[in-house]
């Protein structure tokens, strides 16, 4: 059984890793970062095509791989074992890519933060975690944002 943790580098993704390490029995864990290739962004946002620099494609992939590795390092430091990581290009939507990878590895559980780095887009299009929850067909744990402690 493998736990899949969706990770985008956000504070909520950090909280998801910490929660998984604290509350779940040690199992093999895959840290997954999904990134949007330039052509997909142009298809989704054709009016912004002129503002997108084609030289950023390799940079976006490298950043996604760096995020995935960072997530794996956080997972190991938090106490998860047998941690691997992957950065996967999104061909349709981020949530679908997460569900597809979970199916591919037959994940016993998907863990994700409740909000990522999508900001306004997530408000307009619906959150990735919400779509994963409703389409995964397997147990999904959505970790809410950590609350700031009052002093």
N, C-alpha and C. Protein backbone atom coordinates (compact mmCIF):
# COMPACT_ATOMS: atom_id res chain seq x y z
N UNK A 1 0.85 -1.17 0.00
CA UNK A 1 0.00 0.00 0.00
C UNK A 1 0.89 1.23 0.00
N UNK A 2 0.52 2.20 -0.82
CA UNK A 2 1.31 3.41 -0.97
C UNK A 2 0.43 4.63 -0.72
N UNK A 3 0.99 5.60 -0.03
CA UNK A 3 0.33 6.88 0.18
C UNK A 3 0.83 7.83 -0.89
N UNK A 4 -0.07 8.54 -1.55
CA UNK A 4 0.31 9.57 -2.50
C UNK A 4 0.02 10.91 -1.86
N UNK A 5 1.04 11.76 -1.77
CA UNK A 5 0.87 13.10 -1.23
C UNK A 5 1.05 14.09 -2.36
N UNK A 6 -0.01 14.85 -2.66
CA UNK A 6 0.07 15.90 -3.68
C UNK A 6 0.79 17.09 -3.06
N UNK A 7 1.82 17.57 -3.74
CA UNK A 7 2.68 18.60 -3.15
C UNK A 7 3.01 19.68 -4.18
N UNK A 8 2.73 20.93 -3.82
CA UNK A 8 3.04 22.04 -4.71
C UNK A 8 3.93 23.10 -4.08
N UNK A 9 4.43 22.83 -2.90
CA UNK A 9 5.30 23.78 -2.24
C UNK A 9 4.58 24.78 -1.36
N UNK A 10 3.27 24.77 -1.34
CA UNK A 10 2.49 25.73 -0.54
C UNK A 10 2.51 25.34 0.94
N UNK A 11 2.10 26.28 1.78
CA UNK A 11 2.01 26.02 3.22
C UNK A 11 1.03 24.88 3.50
N UNK A 12 -0.06 24.81 2.74
CA UNK A 12 -1.03 23.73 2.94
C UNK A 12 -0.45 22.38 2.54
N UNK A 13 0.39 22.35 1.52
CA UNK A 13 1.06 21.10 1.13
C UNK A 13 2.04 20.67 2.22
N UNK A 14 2.73 21.64 2.84
CA UNK A 14 3.62 21.32 3.97
C UNK A 14 2.81 20.70 5.09
N UNK A 15 1.64 21.29 5.39
CA UNK A 15 0.79 20.78 6.46
C UNK A 15 0.31 19.37 6.15
N UNK A 16 0.04 19.08 4.89
CA UNK A 16 -0.41 17.74 4.50
C UNK A 16 0.67 16.70 4.79
N UNK A 17 1.90 17.04 4.47
CA UNK A 17 3.01 16.12 4.75
C UNK A 17 3.17 15.91 6.25
N UNK A 18 3.15 17.00 7.01
CA UNK A 18 3.30 16.89 8.47
C UNK A 18 2.19 16.04 9.08
N UNK A 19 0.97 16.24 8.63
CA UNK A 19 -0.17 15.47 9.14
C UNK A 19 0.00 14.00 8.81
N UNK A 20 0.35 13.71 7.57
CA UNK A 20 0.52 12.31 7.16
C UNK A 20 1.59 11.63 7.99
N UNK A 21 2.69 12.31 8.23
CA UNK A 21 3.79 11.71 9.00
C UNK A 21 3.38 11.48 10.45
N UNK A 22 2.59 12.39 10.98
CA UNK A 22 2.20 12.30 12.39
C UNK A 22 1.11 11.26 12.64
N UNK A 23 0.19 11.11 11.69
CA UNK A 23 -1.01 10.31 11.97
C UNK A 23 -1.15 9.01 11.19
N UNK A 24 -0.33 8.79 10.20
CA UNK A 24 -0.47 7.58 9.39
C UNK A 24 0.69 6.63 9.67
N UNK A 25 0.38 5.35 9.67
CA UNK A 25 1.42 4.34 9.87
C UNK A 25 2.42 4.43 8.72
N UNK A 26 3.65 4.12 9.02
CA UNK A 26 4.71 4.19 8.01
C UNK A 26 4.38 3.26 6.84
N UNK A 27 4.26 3.83 5.68
CA UNK A 27 4.01 3.10 4.45
C UNK A 27 4.84 3.76 3.36
N UNK A 28 5.08 3.05 2.28
CA UNK A 28 5.75 3.71 1.16
C UNK A 28 4.93 4.95 0.76
N UNK A 29 5.64 6.03 0.46
CA UNK A 29 4.98 7.30 0.17
C UNK A 29 5.54 7.89 -1.11
N UNK A 30 4.65 8.34 -1.98
CA UNK A 30 5.05 9.04 -3.20
C UNK A 30 4.64 10.49 -3.07
N UNK A 31 5.61 11.39 -3.18
CA UNK A 31 5.34 12.83 -3.21
C UNK A 31 5.20 13.19 -4.68
N UNK A 32 4.05 13.76 -5.04
CA UNK A 32 3.74 14.06 -6.43
C UNK A 32 3.55 15.56 -6.63
N UNK A 33 4.31 16.12 -7.56
CA UNK A 33 4.11 17.50 -7.98
C UNK A 33 3.66 17.48 -9.43
N UNK A 34 2.57 18.17 -9.72
CA UNK A 34 2.04 18.24 -11.07
C UNK A 34 2.28 19.65 -11.59
N UNK A 35 2.79 19.74 -12.81
CA UNK A 35 3.05 21.05 -13.41
C UNK A 35 2.36 21.15 -14.76
N UNK A 36 2.02 22.38 -15.15
CA UNK A 36 1.31 22.62 -16.40
C UNK A 36 2.28 23.01 -17.51
N UNK A 37 2.38 22.20 -18.56
CA UNK A 37 3.22 22.57 -19.70
C UNK A 37 2.69 23.83 -20.38
N UNK A 38 3.58 24.53 -21.04
CA UNK A 38 3.26 25.79 -21.71
C UNK A 38 2.10 25.66 -22.69
N UNK A 39 2.10 24.60 -23.50
CA UNK A 39 1.03 24.45 -24.49
C UNK A 39 -0.34 24.32 -23.83
N UNK A 40 -0.41 23.65 -22.69
CA UNK A 40 -1.68 23.53 -21.97
C UNK A 40 -2.12 24.89 -21.45
N UNK A 41 -1.18 25.68 -20.93
CA UNK A 41 -1.51 27.00 -20.43
C UNK A 41 -2.05 27.88 -21.57
N UNK A 42 -1.42 27.80 -22.73
CA UNK A 42 -1.87 28.59 -23.88
C UNK A 42 -3.28 28.17 -24.32
N UNK A 43 -3.54 26.85 -24.30
CA UNK A 43 -4.88 26.36 -24.65
C UNK A 43 -5.93 26.87 -23.66
N UNK A 44 -5.57 26.87 -22.36
CA UNK A 44 -6.52 27.29 -21.33
C UNK A 44 -6.72 28.80 -21.32
N UNK A 45 -5.65 29.53 -21.59
CA UNK A 45 -5.68 30.99 -21.47
C UNK A 45 -5.13 31.62 -22.75
N UNK A 46 -5.85 31.50 -23.87
CA UNK A 46 -5.33 31.98 -25.15
C UNK A 46 -5.04 33.48 -25.19
N UNK A 47 -5.76 34.27 -24.42
CA UNK A 47 -5.52 35.71 -24.42
C UNK A 47 -4.17 36.06 -23.78
N UNK A 48 -3.65 35.17 -22.96
CA UNK A 48 -2.38 35.42 -22.30
C UNK A 48 -1.20 34.86 -23.09
N UNK A 49 -1.46 34.26 -24.23
CA UNK A 49 -0.40 33.58 -25.00
C UNK A 49 0.76 34.51 -25.32
N UNK A 50 0.49 35.75 -25.62
CA UNK A 50 1.56 36.68 -25.96
C UNK A 50 2.46 37.01 -24.78
N UNK A 51 1.94 36.86 -23.58
CA UNK A 51 2.72 37.18 -22.38
C UNK A 51 3.54 36.00 -21.88
N UNK A 52 3.33 34.81 -22.43
CA UNK A 52 4.03 33.62 -21.97
C UNK A 52 5.34 33.47 -22.74
N UNK A 53 6.42 33.36 -22.02
CA UNK A 53 7.75 33.21 -22.60
C UNK A 53 8.02 31.73 -22.87
N UNK A 54 8.21 31.33 -24.14
CA UNK A 54 8.44 29.92 -24.45
C UNK A 54 9.68 29.34 -23.75
N UNK A 55 10.61 30.16 -23.35
CA UNK A 55 11.81 29.68 -22.67
C UNK A 55 11.54 29.21 -21.26
N UNK A 56 10.34 29.41 -20.76
CA UNK A 56 10.03 29.04 -19.38
C UNK A 56 9.62 27.58 -19.22
N UNK A 57 9.43 26.86 -20.33
CA UNK A 57 8.98 25.46 -20.25
C UNK A 57 9.96 24.59 -19.45
N UNK A 58 11.24 24.65 -19.81
CA UNK A 58 12.23 23.86 -19.08
C UNK A 58 12.35 24.33 -17.64
N UNK A 59 12.21 25.64 -17.44
CA UNK A 59 12.27 26.20 -16.10
C UNK A 59 11.12 25.69 -15.24
N UNK A 60 9.93 25.61 -15.83
CA UNK A 60 8.75 25.12 -15.10
C UNK A 60 8.93 23.65 -14.71
N UNK A 61 9.46 22.85 -15.61
CA UNK A 61 9.69 21.45 -15.30
C UNK A 61 10.74 21.31 -14.20
N UNK A 62 11.82 22.08 -14.30
CA UNK A 62 12.87 22.02 -13.28
C UNK A 62 12.34 22.46 -11.92
N UNK A 63 11.49 23.48 -11.91
CA UNK A 63 10.91 23.95 -10.66
C UNK A 63 9.99 22.88 -10.06
N UNK A 64 9.21 22.21 -10.90
CA UNK A 64 8.33 21.15 -10.42
C UNK A 64 9.15 20.01 -9.81
N UNK A 65 10.23 19.63 -10.47
CA UNK A 65 11.09 18.57 -9.93
C UNK A 65 11.72 19.00 -8.61
N UNK A 66 12.09 20.27 -8.53
CA UNK A 66 12.65 20.80 -7.28
C UNK A 66 11.61 20.76 -6.16
N UNK A 67 10.36 21.15 -6.48
CA UNK A 67 9.27 21.09 -5.48
C UNK A 67 9.06 19.65 -5.01
N UNK A 68 9.03 18.71 -5.94
CA UNK A 68 8.81 17.31 -5.57
C UNK A 68 9.94 16.80 -4.67
N UNK A 69 11.16 17.13 -5.01
CA UNK A 69 12.30 16.71 -4.18
C UNK A 69 12.23 17.36 -2.80
N UNK A 70 11.88 18.65 -2.76
CA UNK A 70 11.72 19.34 -1.48
C UNK A 70 10.65 18.66 -0.63
N UNK A 71 9.54 18.29 -1.27
CA UNK A 71 8.47 17.60 -0.56
C UNK A 71 8.93 16.26 0.00
N UNK A 72 9.72 15.54 -0.77
CA UNK A 72 10.25 14.25 -0.31
C UNK A 72 11.18 14.46 0.89
N UNK A 73 12.01 15.48 0.82
CA UNK A 73 12.91 15.77 1.95
C UNK A 73 12.11 16.13 3.20
N UNK A 74 11.05 16.91 3.03
CA UNK A 74 10.18 17.25 4.17
C UNK A 74 9.51 15.99 4.73
N UNK A 75 9.07 15.12 3.85
CA UNK A 75 8.40 13.89 4.28
C UNK A 75 9.35 13.01 5.10
N UNK A 76 10.57 12.88 4.63
CA UNK A 76 11.57 12.07 5.35
C UNK A 76 11.87 12.70 6.70
N UNK A 77 12.07 14.03 6.71
CA UNK A 77 12.35 14.73 7.96
C UNK A 77 11.19 14.62 8.95
N UNK A 78 9.97 14.53 8.42
CA UNK A 78 8.79 14.42 9.28
C UNK A 78 8.57 13.00 9.80
N UNK A 79 9.30 12.02 9.23
CA UNK A 79 9.20 10.65 9.74
C UNK A 79 8.59 9.65 8.79
N UNK A 80 8.20 10.05 7.58
CA UNK A 80 7.69 9.07 6.63
C UNK A 80 8.84 8.24 6.08
N UNK A 81 8.54 7.00 5.73
CA UNK A 81 9.61 6.13 5.24
C UNK A 81 9.35 5.72 3.80
N UNK A 82 10.38 5.17 3.19
CA UNK A 82 10.28 4.71 1.79
C UNK A 82 9.67 5.78 0.90
N UNK A 83 10.23 6.99 0.97
CA UNK A 83 9.68 8.13 0.24
C UNK A 83 10.34 8.24 -1.14
N UNK A 84 9.50 8.35 -2.16
CA UNK A 84 9.97 8.64 -3.51
C UNK A 84 9.23 9.90 -3.98
N UNK A 85 9.68 10.46 -5.08
CA UNK A 85 9.01 11.65 -5.59
C UNK A 85 8.99 11.64 -7.11
N UNK A 86 7.98 12.35 -7.64
CA UNK A 86 7.83 12.49 -9.09
C UNK A 86 7.26 13.86 -9.40
N UNK A 87 7.70 14.41 -10.52
CA UNK A 87 7.09 15.61 -11.09
C UNK A 87 6.47 15.15 -12.40
N UNK A 88 5.19 15.41 -12.56
CA UNK A 88 4.46 14.91 -13.72
C UNK A 88 3.81 16.09 -14.45
N UNK A 89 3.96 16.10 -15.77
CA UNK A 89 3.31 17.13 -16.58
C UNK A 89 1.82 16.85 -16.65
N UNK A 90 1.05 17.89 -16.48
CA UNK A 90 -0.40 17.82 -16.53
C UNK A 90 -0.83 17.92 -17.99
N UNK A 91 -1.62 16.98 -18.47
CA UNK A 91 -2.09 17.01 -19.84
C UNK A 91 -3.52 17.48 -19.98
N UNK A 92 -4.25 17.55 -18.89
CA UNK A 92 -5.66 17.94 -18.94
C UNK A 92 -6.01 18.86 -17.78
N UNK A 93 -5.82 18.38 -16.58
CA UNK A 93 -6.06 19.17 -15.37
C UNK A 93 -5.23 18.57 -14.25
N UNK A 94 -4.85 19.41 -13.31
CA UNK A 94 -3.99 18.95 -12.22
C UNK A 94 -4.68 17.87 -11.41
N UNK A 95 -5.95 18.07 -11.07
CA UNK A 95 -6.64 17.07 -10.25
C UNK A 95 -6.71 15.73 -10.97
N UNK A 96 -6.94 15.74 -12.28
CA UNK A 96 -7.03 14.48 -13.03
C UNK A 96 -5.68 13.78 -13.06
N UNK A 97 -4.62 14.54 -13.18
CA UNK A 97 -3.29 13.93 -13.17
C UNK A 97 -3.01 13.26 -11.83
N UNK A 98 -3.40 13.91 -10.74
CA UNK A 98 -3.23 13.31 -9.40
C UNK A 98 -4.02 12.00 -9.32
N UNK A 99 -5.26 12.02 -9.76
CA UNK A 99 -6.11 10.81 -9.73
C UNK A 99 -5.50 9.72 -10.62
N UNK A 100 -5.03 10.09 -11.80
CA UNK A 100 -4.43 9.11 -12.72
C UNK A 100 -3.19 8.46 -12.12
N UNK A 101 -2.33 9.25 -11.48
CA UNK A 101 -1.12 8.68 -10.86
C UNK A 101 -1.52 7.80 -9.68
N UNK A 102 -2.52 8.21 -8.91
CA UNK A 102 -3.00 7.37 -7.81
C UNK A 102 -3.49 6.03 -8.33
N UNK A 103 -4.19 6.05 -9.46
CA UNK A 103 -4.66 4.80 -10.07
C UNK A 103 -3.47 3.97 -10.55
N UNK A 104 -2.50 4.63 -11.17
CA UNK A 104 -1.33 3.93 -11.70
C UNK A 104 -0.57 3.18 -10.61
N UNK A 105 -0.41 3.81 -9.45
CA UNK A 105 0.37 3.17 -8.37
C UNK A 105 -0.54 2.43 -7.39
N UNK A 106 -1.85 2.45 -7.64
CA UNK A 106 -2.84 1.86 -6.76
C UNK A 106 -2.67 2.36 -5.33
N UNK A 107 -2.66 3.68 -5.20
CA UNK A 107 -2.47 4.31 -3.88
C UNK A 107 -3.56 3.88 -2.92
N UNK A 108 -3.18 3.61 -1.69
CA UNK A 108 -4.17 3.26 -0.68
C UNK A 108 -4.84 4.51 -0.13
N UNK A 109 -4.18 5.66 -0.30
CA UNK A 109 -4.69 6.92 0.23
C UNK A 109 -4.05 8.07 -0.54
N UNK A 110 -4.84 9.09 -0.84
CA UNK A 110 -4.33 10.34 -1.40
C UNK A 110 -4.40 11.38 -0.29
N UNK A 111 -3.32 12.10 -0.07
CA UNK A 111 -3.28 13.16 0.93
C UNK A 111 -2.97 14.46 0.20
N UNK A 112 -3.76 15.49 0.49
CA UNK A 112 -3.54 16.79 -0.13
C UNK A 112 -3.93 17.91 0.82
N UNK A 113 -3.33 19.06 0.65
CA UNK A 113 -3.76 20.23 1.39
C UNK A 113 -5.07 20.73 0.80
N UNK A 114 -5.75 21.60 1.53
CA UNK A 114 -7.05 22.06 1.03
C UNK A 114 -6.91 23.18 0.01
N UNK A 115 -5.80 23.84 0.00
CA UNK A 115 -5.56 24.90 -0.98
C UNK A 115 -4.11 24.84 -1.39
N UNK A 116 -3.88 25.13 -2.65
CA UNK A 116 -2.51 25.15 -3.13
C UNK A 116 -2.12 26.55 -3.54
N UNK A 117 -1.31 26.61 -4.56
CA UNK A 117 -0.79 27.89 -5.03
C UNK A 117 -1.67 28.52 -6.10
N UNK A 118 -2.82 27.95 -6.38
CA UNK A 118 -3.64 28.41 -7.49
C UNK A 118 -4.32 29.76 -7.24
N UNK A 119 -4.53 30.13 -5.99
CA UNK A 119 -5.08 31.43 -5.66
C UNK A 119 -6.44 31.68 -6.29
N UNK A 120 -6.55 32.80 -7.03
CA UNK A 120 -7.82 33.22 -7.62
C UNK A 120 -8.35 32.17 -8.58
N UNK A 121 -7.45 31.50 -9.31
CA UNK A 121 -7.92 30.47 -10.25
C UNK A 121 -8.70 29.39 -9.52
N UNK A 122 -8.27 29.01 -8.31
CA UNK A 122 -8.98 27.94 -7.61
C UNK A 122 -10.36 28.39 -7.18
N UNK A 123 -10.51 29.67 -6.87
CA UNK A 123 -11.82 30.19 -6.50
C UNK A 123 -12.74 30.16 -7.72
N UNK A 124 -12.21 30.53 -8.88
CA UNK A 124 -13.02 30.58 -10.09
C UNK A 124 -13.30 29.20 -10.68
N UNK A 125 -12.34 28.29 -10.60
CA UNK A 125 -12.45 27.01 -11.28
C UNK A 125 -12.75 25.84 -10.33
N UNK A 126 -12.71 26.06 -9.05
CA UNK A 126 -12.89 24.99 -8.09
C UNK A 126 -11.54 24.45 -7.65
N UNK A 127 -11.46 24.00 -6.44
CA UNK A 127 -10.16 23.59 -5.92
C UNK A 127 -9.75 22.21 -6.42
N UNK A 128 -8.45 22.04 -6.54
CA UNK A 128 -7.89 20.75 -6.96
C UNK A 128 -8.29 19.68 -5.95
N UNK A 129 -8.15 19.98 -4.66
CA UNK A 129 -8.46 18.97 -3.64
C UNK A 129 -9.93 18.54 -3.70
N UNK A 130 -10.82 19.46 -3.96
CA UNK A 130 -12.24 19.13 -4.08
C UNK A 130 -12.49 18.18 -5.25
N UNK A 131 -11.86 18.46 -6.38
CA UNK A 131 -12.01 17.58 -7.55
C UNK A 131 -11.39 16.20 -7.29
N UNK A 132 -10.24 16.17 -6.65
CA UNK A 132 -9.61 14.88 -6.32
C UNK A 132 -10.55 14.07 -5.44
N UNK A 133 -11.08 14.71 -4.41
CA UNK A 133 -11.99 14.04 -3.48
C UNK A 133 -13.17 13.41 -4.21
N UNK A 134 -13.75 14.12 -5.15
CA UNK A 134 -14.96 13.65 -5.82
C UNK A 134 -14.71 12.71 -7.00
N UNK A 135 -13.47 12.61 -7.46
CA UNK A 135 -13.20 11.78 -8.63
C UNK A 135 -12.21 10.65 -8.39
N UNK A 136 -11.57 10.60 -7.24
CA UNK A 136 -10.51 9.62 -7.02
C UNK A 136 -11.01 8.19 -6.90
N UNK A 137 -12.17 7.99 -6.30
CA UNK A 137 -12.66 6.63 -6.12
C UNK A 137 -11.82 5.83 -5.15
N UNK A 138 -11.12 6.52 -4.27
CA UNK A 138 -10.30 5.87 -3.25
C UNK A 138 -10.22 6.82 -2.06
N UNK A 139 -9.83 6.35 -0.89
CA UNK A 139 -9.76 7.25 0.26
C UNK A 139 -8.87 8.47 -0.03
N UNK A 140 -9.40 9.62 0.36
CA UNK A 140 -8.69 10.88 0.15
C UNK A 140 -8.77 11.69 1.44
N UNK A 141 -7.62 12.16 1.88
CA UNK A 141 -7.53 12.96 3.10
C UNK A 141 -7.15 14.37 2.69
N UNK A 142 -8.03 15.33 3.02
CA UNK A 142 -7.75 16.73 2.73
C UNK A 142 -7.41 17.40 4.06
N UNK A 143 -6.19 17.90 4.15
CA UNK A 143 -5.71 18.51 5.38
C UNK A 143 -5.98 20.01 5.30
N UNK A 144 -6.75 20.54 6.26
CA UNK A 144 -7.08 21.97 6.23
C UNK A 144 -5.85 22.81 6.58
N UNK A 145 -5.93 24.12 6.30
CA UNK A 145 -4.80 24.99 6.63
C UNK A 145 -4.55 24.97 8.14
N UNK A 146 -3.31 25.15 8.51
CA UNK A 146 -3.00 25.22 9.94
C UNK A 146 -3.44 26.58 10.45
N UNK A 147 -4.01 26.60 11.63
CA UNK A 147 -4.47 27.84 12.22
C UNK A 147 -3.33 28.46 13.01
N UNK A 148 -3.24 29.75 12.90
CA UNK A 148 -2.23 30.47 13.68
C UNK A 148 -2.66 30.48 15.13
N UNK A 149 -1.72 30.20 16.02
CA UNK A 149 -2.03 30.21 17.45
C UNK A 149 -2.05 31.65 17.96
N UNK A 150 -3.05 31.95 18.76
CA UNK A 150 -3.14 33.29 19.34
C UNK A 150 -2.15 33.39 20.49
N UNK A 151 -1.50 34.51 20.55
CA UNK A 151 -0.53 34.72 21.64
C UNK A 151 -0.98 35.79 22.57
